[in-house]
Structure formats: C-alpha cells, structure tokens
Amino acid sequence: RAFVYQSAKELAEEKPPNTARQALMNALALIEKHNLEIKFT
C-alpha cells in the first residue's frame, strides 16, 4: 500500500486530477505500473 500510495502522490503532482477523466486515467496508470489485476469495478 505504501508504495502504491507514494506512486499516486507522485502522479498527482505530475498530472493533477482536475477532472473525473484524469482521476480515472491516474487510477488505471497506478494499476498498470504496479502490475495489479482488477478483480472488481
């Protein structure tokens, strides 16, 4: 969790989620970066 949280923080600084679409893209980027598998959406 700490690693993913830190990545989310860094990503928010680089690409601030000012819109719902950008927040979704940031969430999906985190999932991809940490090689996580989506089980429920």
PDB file of all heavy atoms in Angstrom:
ATOM      1  N   ARG A   1       0.819  -1.207   0.000  1.00  0.00           N
ATOM      2  CA  ARG A   1       0.000   0.000   0.000  1.00  0.00           C
ATOM      3  C   ARG A   1       0.856   1.262   0.000  1.00  0.00           C
ATOM      4  O   ARG A   1       0.568   2.216  -0.721  1.00  0.00           O
ATOM      5  CB  ARG A   1      -0.938   0.024   1.192  1.00  0.00           C
ATOM      6  CG  ARG A   1      -1.825   1.260   1.210  1.00  0.00           C
ATOM      7  CD  ARG A   1      -2.522   1.442   2.570  1.00  0.00           C
ATOM      8  NE  ARG A   1      -3.226   2.699   2.606  1.00  0.00           N
ATOM      9  CZ  ARG A   1      -2.674   3.866   2.908  1.00  0.00           C
ATOM     10  NH1 ARG A   1      -1.396   3.933   3.176  1.00  0.00           N
ATOM     11  NH2 ARG A   1      -3.391   4.965   2.936  1.00  0.00           N
ATOM     12  N   ALA A   2       1.899   1.300   0.796  1.00  0.00           N
ATOM     13  CA  ALA A   2       2.752   2.493   0.893  1.00  0.00           C
ATOM     14  C   ALA A   2       3.393   2.824  -0.444  1.00  0.00           C
ATOM     15  O   ALA A   2       3.479   4.001  -0.820  1.00  0.00           O
ATOM     16  CB  ALA A   2       3.816   2.295   1.959  1.00  0.00           C
ATOM     17  N   PHE A   3       3.818   1.811  -1.186  1.00  0.00           N
ATOM     18  CA  PHE A   3       4.441   2.039  -2.498  1.00  0.00           C
ATOM     19  C   PHE A   3       3.424   2.577  -3.507  1.00  0.00           C
ATOM     20  O   PHE A   3       3.712   3.496  -4.272  1.00  0.00           O
ATOM     21  CB  PHE A   3       5.069   0.750  -3.035  1.00  0.00           C
ATOM     22  CG  PHE A   3       6.144   0.199  -2.149  1.00  0.00           C
ATOM     23  CD1 PHE A   3       5.972  -1.018  -1.517  1.00  0.00           C
ATOM     24  CD2 PHE A   3       7.323   0.893  -1.938  1.00  0.00           C
ATOM     25  CE1 PHE A   3       6.949  -1.536  -0.696  1.00  0.00           C
ATOM     26  CE2 PHE A   3       8.313   0.387  -1.115  1.00  0.00           C
ATOM     27  CZ  PHE A   3       8.139  -0.839  -0.484  1.00  0.00           C
ATOM     28  N   VAL A   4       2.232   2.003  -3.504  1.00  0.00           N
ATOM     29  CA  VAL A   4       1.185   2.442  -4.431  1.00  0.00           C
ATOM     30  C   VAL A   4       0.724   3.850  -4.053  1.00  0.00           C
ATOM     31  O   VAL A   4       0.523   4.700  -4.912  1.00  0.00           O
ATOM     32  CB  VAL A   4       0.002   1.445  -4.450  1.00  0.00           C
ATOM     33  CG1 VAL A   4      -1.103   1.920  -5.374  1.00  0.00           C
ATOM     34  CG2 VAL A   4       0.487   0.062  -4.879  1.00  0.00           C
ATOM     35  N   TYR A   5       0.603   4.114  -2.745  1.00  0.00           N
ATOM     36  CA  TYR A   5       0.206   5.440  -2.288  1.00  0.00           C
ATOM     37  C   TYR A   5       1.235   6.497  -2.707  1.00  0.00           C
ATOM     38  O   TYR A   5       0.880   7.577  -3.165  1.00  0.00           O
ATOM     39  CB  TYR A   5       0.036   5.443  -0.767  1.00  0.00           C
ATOM     40  CG  TYR A   5      -0.303   6.798  -0.209  1.00  0.00           C
ATOM     41  CD1 TYR A   5      -1.596   7.301  -0.303  1.00  0.00           C
ATOM     42  CD2 TYR A   5       0.667   7.584   0.401  1.00  0.00           C
ATOM     43  CE1 TYR A   5      -1.915   8.553   0.197  1.00  0.00           C
ATOM     44  CE2 TYR A   5       0.357   8.833   0.905  1.00  0.00           C
ATOM     45  CZ  TYR A   5      -0.935   9.314   0.800  1.00  0.00           C
ATOM     46  OH  TYR A   5      -1.233  10.550   1.287  1.00  0.00           O
ATOM     47  N   GLN A   6       2.514   6.184  -2.553  1.00  0.00           N
ATOM     48  CA  GLN A   6       3.572   7.109  -2.963  1.00  0.00           C
ATOM     49  C   GLN A   6       3.512   7.363  -4.466  1.00  0.00           C
ATOM     50  O   GLN A   6       3.683   8.489  -4.928  1.00  0.00           O
ATOM     51  CB  GLN A   6       4.951   6.571  -2.559  1.00  0.00           C
ATOM     52  CG  GLN A   6       6.089   7.506  -2.863  1.00  0.00           C
ATOM     53  CD  GLN A   6       5.986   8.827  -2.113  1.00  0.00           C
ATOM     54  OE1 GLN A   6       5.492   8.874  -0.990  1.00  0.00           O
ATOM     55  NE2 GLN A   6       6.441   9.892  -2.732  1.00  0.00           N
ATOM     56  N   SER A   7       3.258   6.341  -5.241  1.00  0.00           N
ATOM     57  CA  SER A   7       3.120   6.497  -6.692  1.00  0.00           C
ATOM     58  C   SER A   7       1.932   7.382  -7.033  1.00  0.00           C
ATOM     59  O   SER A   7       2.003   8.205  -7.945  1.00  0.00           O
ATOM     60  CB  SER A   7       2.949   5.140  -7.370  1.00  0.00           C
ATOM     61  OG  SER A   7       4.109   4.368  -7.246  1.00  0.00           O
ATOM     62  N   ALA A   8       0.829   7.220  -6.298  1.00  0.00           N
ATOM     63  CA  ALA A   8      -0.360   8.049  -6.531  1.00  0.00           C
ATOM     64  C   ALA A   8      -0.054   9.508  -6.236  1.00  0.00           C
ATOM     65  O   ALA A   8      -0.477  10.408  -6.970  1.00  0.00           O
ATOM     66  CB  ALA A   8      -1.515   7.562  -5.663  1.00  0.00           C
ATOM     67  N   LYS A   9       0.695   9.735  -5.179  1.00  0.00           N
ATOM     68  CA  LYS A   9       1.067  11.097  -4.804  1.00  0.00           C
ATOM     69  C   LYS A   9       1.954  11.739  -5.874  1.00  0.00           C
ATOM     70  O   LYS A   9       1.743  12.882  -6.266  1.00  0.00           O
ATOM     71  CB  LYS A   9       1.789  11.040  -3.458  1.00  0.00           C
ATOM     72  CG  LYS A   9       1.901  12.325  -2.738  1.00  0.00           C
ATOM     73  CD  LYS A   9       2.468  12.054  -1.348  1.00  0.00           C
ATOM     74  CE  LYS A   9       2.795  13.343  -0.659  1.00  0.00           C
ATOM     75  NZ  LYS A   9       3.417  13.136   0.637  1.00  0.00           N
ATOM     76  N   GLU A  10       2.941  10.988  -6.352  1.00  0.00           N
ATOM     77  CA  GLU A  10       3.837  11.493  -7.400  1.00  0.00           C
ATOM     78  C   GLU A  10       3.077  11.751  -8.698  1.00  0.00           C
ATOM     79  O   GLU A  10       3.307  12.760  -9.371  1.00  0.00           O
ATOM     80  CB  GLU A  10       4.969  10.503  -7.637  1.00  0.00           C
ATOM     81  CG  GLU A  10       5.937  10.404  -6.483  1.00  0.00           C
ATOM     82  CD  GLU A  10       6.905   9.240  -6.607  1.00  0.00           C
ATOM     83  OE1 GLU A  10       6.849   8.511  -7.633  1.00  0.00           O
ATOM     84  OE2 GLU A  10       7.704   9.040  -5.677  1.00  0.00           O
ATOM     85  N   LEU A  11       2.174  10.858  -9.031  1.00  0.00           N
ATOM     86  CA  LEU A  11       1.380  11.012 -10.249  1.00  0.00           C
ATOM     87  C   LEU A  11       0.457  12.229 -10.159  1.00  0.00           C
ATOM     88  O   LEU A  11       0.289  12.949 -11.138  1.00  0.00           O
ATOM     89  CB  LEU A  11       0.575   9.743 -10.514  1.00  0.00           C
ATOM     90  CG  LEU A  11      -0.110   9.618 -11.858  1.00  0.00           C
ATOM     91  CD1 LEU A  11       0.903   9.726 -13.002  1.00  0.00           C
ATOM     92  CD2 LEU A  11      -0.846   8.298 -11.950  1.00  0.00           C
ATOM     93  N   ALA A  12      -0.095  12.483  -8.975  1.00  0.00           N
ATOM     94  CA  ALA A  12      -0.970  13.646  -8.784  1.00  0.00           C
ATOM     95  C   ALA A  12      -0.189  14.951  -8.926  1.00  0.00           C
ATOM     96  O   ALA A  12      -0.739  15.956  -9.365  1.00  0.00           O
ATOM     97  CB  ALA A  12      -1.650  13.576  -7.429  1.00  0.00           C
ATOM     98  N   GLU A  13       1.083  14.942  -8.557  1.00  0.00           N
ATOM     99  CA  GLU A  13       1.904  16.135  -8.729  1.00  0.00           C
ATOM    100  C   GLU A  13       2.235  16.360 -10.200  1.00  0.00           C
ATOM    101  O   GLU A  13       2.262  17.482 -10.671  1.00  0.00           O
ATOM    102  CB  GLU A  13       3.192  16.014  -7.917  1.00  0.00           C
ATOM    103  CG  GLU A  13       2.972  16.081  -6.421  1.00  0.00           C
ATOM    104  CD  GLU A  13       4.227  15.796  -5.633  1.00  0.00           C
ATOM    105  OE1 GLU A  13       5.304  15.624  -6.235  1.00  0.00           O
ATOM    106  OE2 GLU A  13       4.122  15.757  -4.390  1.00  0.00           O
ATOM    107  N   GLU A  14       2.476  15.264 -10.910  1.00  0.00           N
ATOM    108  CA  GLU A  14       2.821  15.350 -12.332  1.00  0.00           C
ATOM    109  C   GLU A  14       1.601  15.672 -13.192  1.00  0.00           C
ATOM    110  O   GLU A  14       1.663  16.516 -14.091  1.00  0.00           O
ATOM    111  CB  GLU A  14       3.441  14.027 -12.782  1.00  0.00           C
ATOM    112  CG  GLU A  14       3.897  14.014 -14.210  1.00  0.00           C
ATOM    113  CD  GLU A  14       4.485  12.671 -14.597  1.00  0.00           C
ATOM    114  OE1 GLU A  14       5.149  12.031 -13.752  1.00  0.00           O
ATOM    115  OE2 GLU A  14       4.261  12.255 -15.747  1.00  0.00           O
ATOM    116  N   LYS A  15       0.514  14.970 -12.933  1.00  0.00           N
ATOM    117  CA  LYS A  15      -0.729  15.155 -13.691  1.00  0.00           C
ATOM    118  C   LYS A  15      -1.879  15.287 -12.703  1.00  0.00           C
ATOM    119  O   LYS A  15      -2.521  14.300 -12.364  1.00  0.00           O
ATOM    120  CB  LYS A  15      -0.981  13.968 -14.617  1.00  0.00           C
ATOM    121  CG  LYS A  15       0.062  13.820 -15.689  1.00  0.00           C
ATOM    122  CD  LYS A  15      -0.259  12.668 -16.602  1.00  0.00           C
ATOM    123  CE  LYS A  15       0.809  12.580 -17.675  1.00  0.00           C
ATOM    124  NZ  LYS A  15       0.507  11.577 -18.654  1.00  0.00           N
ATOM    125  N   PRO A  16      -2.152  16.503 -12.231  1.00  0.00           N
ATOM    126  CA  PRO A  16      -3.207  16.685 -11.229  1.00  0.00           C
ATOM    127  C   PRO A  16      -4.578  16.248 -11.758  1.00  0.00           C
ATOM    128  O   PRO A  16      -4.948  16.602 -12.871  1.00  0.00           O
ATOM    129  CB  PRO A  16      -3.210  18.193 -10.966  1.00  0.00           C
ATOM    130  CG  PRO A  16      -1.943  18.708 -11.543  1.00  0.00           C
ATOM    131  CD  PRO A  16      -1.504  17.739 -12.596  1.00  0.00           C
ATOM    132  N   PRO A  17      -5.310  15.461 -10.974  1.00  0.00           N
ATOM    133  CA  PRO A  17      -6.634  15.004 -11.410  1.00  0.00           C
ATOM    134  C   PRO A  17      -7.707  16.075 -11.215  1.00  0.00           C
ATOM    135  O   PRO A  17      -8.482  16.046 -10.273  1.00  0.00           O
ATOM    136  CB  PRO A  17      -6.881  13.778 -10.542  1.00  0.00           C
ATOM    137  CG  PRO A  17      -6.075  14.023  -9.309  1.00  0.00           C
ATOM    138  CD  PRO A  17      -4.889  14.834  -9.731  1.00  0.00           C
ATOM    139  N   ASN A  18      -7.720  17.058 -12.095  1.00  0.00           N
ATOM    140  CA  ASN A  18      -8.693  18.144 -12.004  1.00  0.00           C
ATOM    141  C   ASN A  18     -10.045  17.770 -12.594  1.00  0.00           C
ATOM    142  O   ASN A  18     -11.019  18.489 -12.403  1.00  0.00           O
ATOM    143  CB  ASN A  18      -8.155  19.393 -12.703  1.00  0.00           C
ATOM    144  CG  ASN A  18      -6.935  19.940 -11.990  1.00  0.00           C
ATOM    145  OD1 ASN A  18      -6.840  19.842 -10.776  1.00  0.00           O
ATOM    146  ND2 ASN A  18      -6.008  20.488 -12.740  1.00  0.00           N
ATOM    147  N   THR A  19     -10.103  16.666 -13.318  1.00  0.00           N
ATOM    148  CA  THR A  19     -11.358  16.188 -13.890  1.00  0.00           C
ATOM    149  C   THR A  19     -11.541  14.718 -13.520  1.00  0.00           C
ATOM    150  O   THR A  19     -10.583  14.028 -13.166  1.00  0.00           O
ATOM    151  CB  THR A  19     -11.368  16.317 -15.422  1.00  0.00           C
ATOM    152  OG1 THR A  19     -10.344  15.474 -15.961  1.00  0.00           O
ATOM    153  CG2 THR A  19     -11.124  17.748 -15.870  1.00  0.00           C
ATOM    154  N   ALA A  20     -12.766  14.248 -13.618  1.00  0.00           N
ATOM    155  CA  ALA A  20     -13.044  12.843 -13.320  1.00  0.00           C
ATOM    156  C   ALA A  20     -12.286  11.929 -14.277  1.00  0.00           C
ATOM    157  O   ALA A  20     -11.787  10.871 -13.882  1.00  0.00           O
ATOM    158  CB  ALA A  20     -14.536  12.574 -13.403  1.00  0.00           C
ATOM    159  N   ARG A  21     -12.162  12.354 -15.514  1.00  0.00           N
ATOM    160  CA  ARG A  21     -11.459  11.538 -16.512  1.00  0.00           C
ATOM    161  C   ARG A  21      -9.982  11.405 -16.175  1.00  0.00           C
ATOM    162  O   ARG A  21      -9.403  10.325 -16.270  1.00  0.00           O
ATOM    163  CB  ARG A  21     -11.647  12.158 -17.890  1.00  0.00           C
ATOM    164  CG  ARG A  21     -10.999  11.362 -18.991  1.00  0.00           C
ATOM    165  CD  ARG A  21     -11.193  12.046 -20.334  1.00  0.00           C
ATOM    166  NE  ARG A  21     -10.498  11.304 -21.351  1.00  0.00           N
ATOM    167  CZ  ARG A  21     -11.050  10.864 -22.448  1.00  0.00           C
ATOM    168  NH1 ARG A  21     -12.318  11.087 -22.679  1.00  0.00           N
ATOM    169  NH2 ARG A  21     -10.346  10.204 -23.329  1.00  0.00           N
ATOM    170  N   GLN A  22      -9.347  12.503 -15.745  1.00  0.00           N
ATOM    171  CA  GLN A  22      -7.927  12.445 -15.377  1.00  0.00           C
ATOM    172  C   GLN A  22      -7.721  11.587 -14.135  1.00  0.00           C
ATOM    173  O   GLN A  22      -6.753  10.845 -14.040  1.00  0.00           O
ATOM    174  CB  GLN A  22      -7.361  13.851 -15.142  1.00  0.00           C
ATOM    175  CG  GLN A  22      -5.858  13.857 -14.878  1.00  0.00           C
ATOM    176  CD  GLN A  22      -5.047  13.330 -16.048  1.00  0.00           C
ATOM    177  OE1 GLN A  22      -5.235  13.766 -17.169  1.00  0.00           O
ATOM    178  NE2 GLN A  22      -4.151  12.403 -15.780  1.00  0.00           N
ATOM    179  N   ALA A  23      -8.650  11.654 -13.179  1.00  0.00           N
ATOM    180  CA  ALA A  23      -8.558  10.809 -11.989  1.00  0.00           C
ATOM    181  C   ALA A  23      -8.650   9.333 -12.367  1.00  0.00           C
ATOM    182  O   ALA A  23      -7.898   8.502 -11.839  1.00  0.00           O
ATOM    183  CB  ALA A  23      -9.659  11.173 -10.997  1.00  0.00           C
ATOM    184  N   LEU A  24      -9.540   9.002 -13.295  1.00  0.00           N
ATOM    185  CA  LEU A  24      -9.658   7.623 -13.766  1.00  0.00           C
ATOM    186  C   LEU A  24      -8.375   7.177 -14.461  1.00  0.00           C
ATOM    187  O   LEU A  24      -7.872   6.076 -14.216  1.00  0.00           O
ATOM    188  CB  LEU A  24     -10.850   7.482 -14.710  1.00  0.00           C
ATOM    189  CG  LEU A  24     -11.006   6.132 -15.404  1.00  0.00           C
ATOM    190  CD1 LEU A  24     -11.187   5.015 -14.388  1.00  0.00           C
ATOM    191  CD2 LEU A  24     -12.163   6.175 -16.378  1.00  0.00           C
ATOM    192  N   MET A  25      -7.816   8.043 -15.303  1.00  0.00           N
ATOM    193  CA  MET A  25      -6.564   7.693 -16.000  1.00  0.00           C
ATOM    194  C   MET A  25      -5.427   7.510 -15.000  1.00  0.00           C
ATOM    195  O   MET A  25      -4.608   6.595 -15.153  1.00  0.00           O
ATOM    196  CB  MET A  25      -6.216   8.749 -17.045  1.00  0.00           C
ATOM    197  CG  MET A  25      -7.197   8.741 -18.201  1.00  0.00           C
ATOM    198  SD  MET A  25      -6.853   9.796 -19.632  1.00  0.00           S
ATOM    199  CE  MET A  25      -6.030  11.191 -19.005  1.00  0.00           C
ATOM    200  N   ASN A  26      -5.372   8.329 -13.956  1.00  0.00           N
ATOM    201  CA  ASN A  26      -4.341   8.171 -12.932  1.00  0.00           C
ATOM    202  C   ASN A  26      -4.517   6.846 -12.182  1.00  0.00           C
ATOM    203  O   ASN A  26      -3.544   6.150 -11.904  1.00  0.00           O
ATOM    204  CB  ASN A  26      -4.375   9.335 -11.947  1.00  0.00           C
ATOM    205  CG  ASN A  26      -3.776  10.605 -12.510  1.00  0.00           C
ATOM    206  OD1 ASN A  26      -3.376  10.660 -13.666  1.00  0.00           O
ATOM    207  ND2 ASN A  26      -3.732  11.644 -11.704  1.00  0.00           N
ATOM    208  N   ALA A  27      -5.762   6.487 -11.850  1.00  0.00           N
ATOM    209  CA  ALA A  27      -6.015   5.225 -11.156  1.00  0.00           C
ATOM    210  C   ALA A  27      -5.598   4.037 -12.020  1.00  0.00           C
ATOM    211  O   ALA A  27      -4.948   3.103 -11.540  1.00  0.00           O
ATOM    212  CB  ALA A  27      -7.490   5.123 -10.778  1.00  0.00           C
ATOM    213  N   LEU A  28      -5.937   4.081 -13.295  1.00  0.00           N
ATOM    214  CA  LEU A  28      -5.556   2.981 -14.194  1.00  0.00           C
ATOM    215  C   LEU A  28      -4.045   2.931 -14.398  1.00  0.00           C
ATOM    216  O   LEU A  28      -3.467   1.845 -14.523  1.00  0.00           O
ATOM    217  CB  LEU A  28      -6.290   3.117 -15.526  1.00  0.00           C
ATOM    218  CG  LEU A  28      -7.812   2.918 -15.441  1.00  0.00           C
ATOM    219  CD1 LEU A  28      -8.457   3.226 -16.787  1.00  0.00           C
ATOM    220  CD2 LEU A  28      -8.159   1.522 -14.971  1.00  0.00           C
ATOM    221  N   ALA A  29      -3.390   4.084 -14.410  1.00  0.00           N
ATOM    222  CA  ALA A  29      -1.930   4.122 -14.532  1.00  0.00           C
ATOM    223  C   ALA A  29      -1.271   3.472 -13.312  1.00  0.00           C
ATOM    224  O   ALA A  29      -0.275   2.758 -13.449  1.00  0.00           O
ATOM    225  CB  ALA A  29      -1.445   5.552 -14.704  1.00  0.00           C
ATOM    226  N   LEU A  30      -1.821   3.698 -12.136  1.00  0.00           N
ATOM    227  CA  LEU A  30      -1.299   3.052 -10.923  1.00  0.00           C
ATOM    228  C   LEU A  30      -1.447   1.538 -10.998  1.00  0.00           C
ATOM    229  O   LEU A  30      -0.532   0.797 -10.649  1.00  0.00           O
ATOM    230  CB  LEU A  30      -2.048   3.549  -9.691  1.00  0.00           C
ATOM    231  CG  LEU A  30      -1.719   4.918  -9.172  1.00  0.00           C
ATOM    232  CD1 LEU A  30      -2.656   5.278  -8.033  1.00  0.00           C
ATOM    233  CD2 LEU A  30      -0.286   4.985  -8.718  1.00  0.00           C
ATOM    234  N   ILE A  31      -2.616   1.102 -11.446  1.00  0.00           N
ATOM    235  CA  ILE A  31      -2.872  -0.335 -11.552  1.00  0.00           C
ATOM    236  C   ILE A  31      -1.890  -0.977 -12.525  1.00  0.00           C
ATOM    237  O   ILE A  31      -1.317  -2.034 -12.248  1.00  0.00           O
ATOM    238  CB  ILE A  31      -4.340  -0.575 -11.970  1.00  0.00           C
ATOM    239  CG1 ILE A  31      -5.276  -0.145 -10.827  1.00  0.00           C
ATOM    240  CG2 ILE A  31      -4.579  -2.029 -12.361  1.00  0.00           C
ATOM    241  CD1 ILE A  31      -6.735  -0.055 -11.200  1.00  0.00           C
ATOM    242  N   GLU A  32      -1.653  -0.312 -13.638  1.00  0.00           N
ATOM    243  CA  GLU A  32      -0.723  -0.845 -14.633  1.00  0.00           C
ATOM    244  C   GLU A  32       0.729  -0.803 -14.130  1.00  0.00           C
ATOM    245  O   GLU A  32       1.470  -1.769 -14.286  1.00  0.00           O
ATOM    246  CB  GLU A  32      -0.842  -0.055 -15.930  1.00  0.00           C
ATOM    247  CG  GLU A  32       0.059  -0.580 -17.030  1.00  0.00           C
ATOM    248  CD  GLU A  32      -0.085   0.199 -18.317  1.00  0.00           C
ATOM    249  OE1 GLU A  32      -0.703   1.278 -18.322  1.00  0.00           O
ATOM    250  OE2 GLU A  32       0.437  -0.279 -19.321  1.00  0.00           O
ATOM    251  N   LYS A  33       1.119   0.295 -13.518  1.00  0.00           N
ATOM    252  CA  LYS A  33       2.504   0.459 -13.055  1.00  0.00           C
ATOM    253  C   LYS A  33       2.894  -0.612 -12.046  1.00  0.00           C
ATOM    254  O   LYS A  33       4.005  -1.131 -12.075  1.00  0.00           O
ATOM    255  CB  LYS A  33       2.686   1.840 -12.432  1.00  0.00           C
ATOM    256  CG  LYS A  33       4.076   2.071 -11.884  1.00  0.00           C
ATOM    257  CD  LYS A  33       4.237   3.443 -11.288  1.00  0.00           C
ATOM    258  CE  LYS A  33       5.646   3.617 -10.764  1.00  0.00           C
ATOM    259  NZ  LYS A  33       5.848   4.950 -10.188  1.00  0.00           N
ATOM    260  N   HIS A  34       1.982  -0.954 -11.155  1.00  0.00           N
ATOM    261  CA  HIS A  34       2.286  -1.928 -10.107  1.00  0.00           C
ATOM    262  C   HIS A  34       1.832  -3.340 -10.467  1.00  0.00           C
ATOM    263  O   HIS A  34       1.821  -4.220  -9.604  1.00  0.00           O
ATOM    264  CB  HIS A  34       1.672  -1.467  -8.782  1.00  0.00           C
ATOM    265  CG  HIS A  34       2.326  -0.232  -8.258  1.00  0.00           C
ATOM    266  ND1 HIS A  34       3.522  -0.253  -7.584  1.00  0.00           N
ATOM    267  CD2 HIS A  34       1.979   1.072  -8.353  1.00  0.00           C
ATOM    268  CE1 HIS A  34       3.876   0.972  -7.261  1.00  0.00           C
ATOM    269  NE2 HIS A  34       2.946   1.802  -7.728  1.00  0.00           N
ATOM    270  N   ASN A  35       1.466  -3.525 -11.734  1.00  0.00           N
ATOM    271  CA  ASN A  35       1.103  -4.844 -12.242  1.00  0.00           C
ATOM    272  C   ASN A  35       0.003  -5.496 -11.395  1.00  0.00           C
ATOM    273  O   ASN A  35       0.094  -6.658 -11.019  1.00  0.00           O
ATOM    274  CB  ASN A  35       2.335  -5.751 -12.328  1.00  0.00           C
ATOM    275  CG  ASN A  35       2.121  -6.900 -13.268  1.00  0.00           C
ATOM    276  OD1 ASN A  35       1.313  -6.826 -14.182  1.00  0.00           O
ATOM    277  ND2 ASN A  35       2.839  -7.982 -13.038  1.00  0.00           N
ATOM    278  N   LEU A  36      -1.031  -4.716 -11.110  1.00  0.00           N
ATOM    279  CA  LEU A  36      -2.152  -5.202 -10.320  1.00  0.00           C
ATOM    280  C   LEU A  36      -3.259  -5.693 -11.243  1.00  0.00           C
ATOM    281  O   LEU A  36      -3.405  -5.220 -12.361  1.00  0.00           O
ATOM    282  CB  LEU A  36      -2.683  -4.079  -9.415  1.00  0.00           C
ATOM    283  CG  LEU A  36      -1.670  -3.523  -8.414  1.00  0.00           C
ATOM    284  CD1 LEU A  36      -2.217  -2.269  -7.754  1.00  0.00           C
ATOM    285  CD2 LEU A  36      -1.322  -4.564  -7.373  1.00  0.00           C
ATOM    286  N   GLU A  37      -4.026  -6.628 -10.758  1.00  0.00           N
ATOM    287  CA  GLU A  37      -5.128  -7.201 -11.529  1.00  0.00           C
ATOM    288  C   GLU A  37      -6.459  -6.736 -10.939  1.00  0.00           C
ATOM    289  O   GLU A  37      -6.678  -6.843  -9.735  1.00  0.00           O
ATOM    290  CB  GLU A  37      -5.041  -8.725 -11.472  1.00  0.00           C
ATOM    291  CG  GLU A  37      -6.052  -9.426 -12.318  1.00  0.00           C
ATOM    292  CD  GLU A  37      -5.883 -10.937 -12.258  1.00  0.00           C
ATOM    293  OE1 GLU A  37      -4.770 -11.414 -12.009  1.00  0.00           O
ATOM    294  OE2 GLU A  37      -6.898 -11.616 -12.453  1.00  0.00           O
ATOM    295  N   ILE A  38      -7.314  -6.197 -11.785  1.00  0.00           N
ATOM    296  CA  ILE A  38      -8.619  -5.708 -11.341  1.00  0.00           C
ATOM    297  C   ILE A  38      -9.545  -6.897 -11.106  1.00  0.00           C
ATOM    298  O   ILE A  38      -9.778  -7.695 -12.000  1.00  0.00           O
ATOM    299  CB  ILE A  38      -9.238  -4.749 -12.375  1.00  0.00           C
ATOM    300  CG1 ILE A  38      -8.353  -3.514 -12.555  1.00  0.00           C
ATOM    301  CG2 ILE A  38     -10.645  -4.338 -11.953  1.00  0.00           C
ATOM    302  CD1 ILE A  38      -8.773  -2.614 -13.698  1.00  0.00           C
ATOM    303  N   LYS A  39     -10.061  -6.992  -9.882  1.00  0.00           N
ATOM    304  CA  LYS A  39     -10.983  -8.068  -9.535  1.00  0.00           C
ATOM    305  C   LYS A  39     -12.438  -7.605  -9.504  1.00  0.00           C
ATOM    306  O   LYS A  39     -13.350  -8.394  -9.710  1.00  0.00           O
ATOM    307  CB  LYS A  39     -10.622  -8.662  -8.159  1.00  0.00           C
ATOM    308  CG  LYS A  39      -9.275  -9.337  -8.135  1.00  0.00           C
ATOM    309  CD  LYS A  39      -9.275 -10.535  -9.047  1.00  0.00           C
ATOM    310  CE  LYS A  39      -7.979 -11.299  -8.969  1.00  0.00           C
ATOM    311  NZ  LYS A  39      -7.977 -12.486  -9.808  1.00  0.00           N
ATOM    312  N   PHE A  40     -12.642  -6.328  -9.201  1.00  0.00           N
ATOM    313  CA  PHE A  40     -13.991  -5.782  -9.118  1.00  0.00           C
ATOM    314  C   PHE A  40     -13.931  -4.300  -9.460  1.00  0.00           C
ATOM    315  O   PHE A  40     -13.009  -3.594  -9.054  1.00  0.00           O
ATOM    316  CB  PHE A  40     -14.563  -5.967  -7.707  1.00  0.00           C
ATOM    317  CG  PHE A  40     -15.924  -5.363  -7.516  1.00  0.00           C
ATOM    318  CD1 PHE A  40     -17.058  -6.010  -7.978  1.00  0.00           C
ATOM    319  CD2 PHE A  40     -16.073  -4.138  -6.887  1.00  0.00           C
ATOM    320  CE1 PHE A  40     -18.318  -5.441  -7.804  1.00  0.00           C
ATOM    321  CE2 PHE A  40     -17.321  -3.574  -6.703  1.00  0.00           C
ATOM    322  CZ  PHE A  40     -18.443  -4.230  -7.172  1.00  0.00           C
ATOM    323  N   THR A  41     -14.929  -3.821 -10.195  1.00  0.00           N
ATOM    324  CA  THR A  41     -15.017  -2.409 -10.568  1.00  0.00           C
ATOM    325  C   THR A  41     -16.436  -1.923 -10.337  1.00  0.00           C
ATOM    326  O   THR A  41     -17.398  -2.624 -10.646  1.00  0.00           O
ATOM    327  CB  THR A  41     -14.678  -2.210 -12.066  1.00  0.00           C
ATOM    328  OG1 THR A  41     -13.404  -2.748 -12.328  1.00  0.00           O
ATOM    329  CG2 THR A  41     -14.701  -0.751 -12.437  1.00  0.00           C
TER     330      THR A  41
END
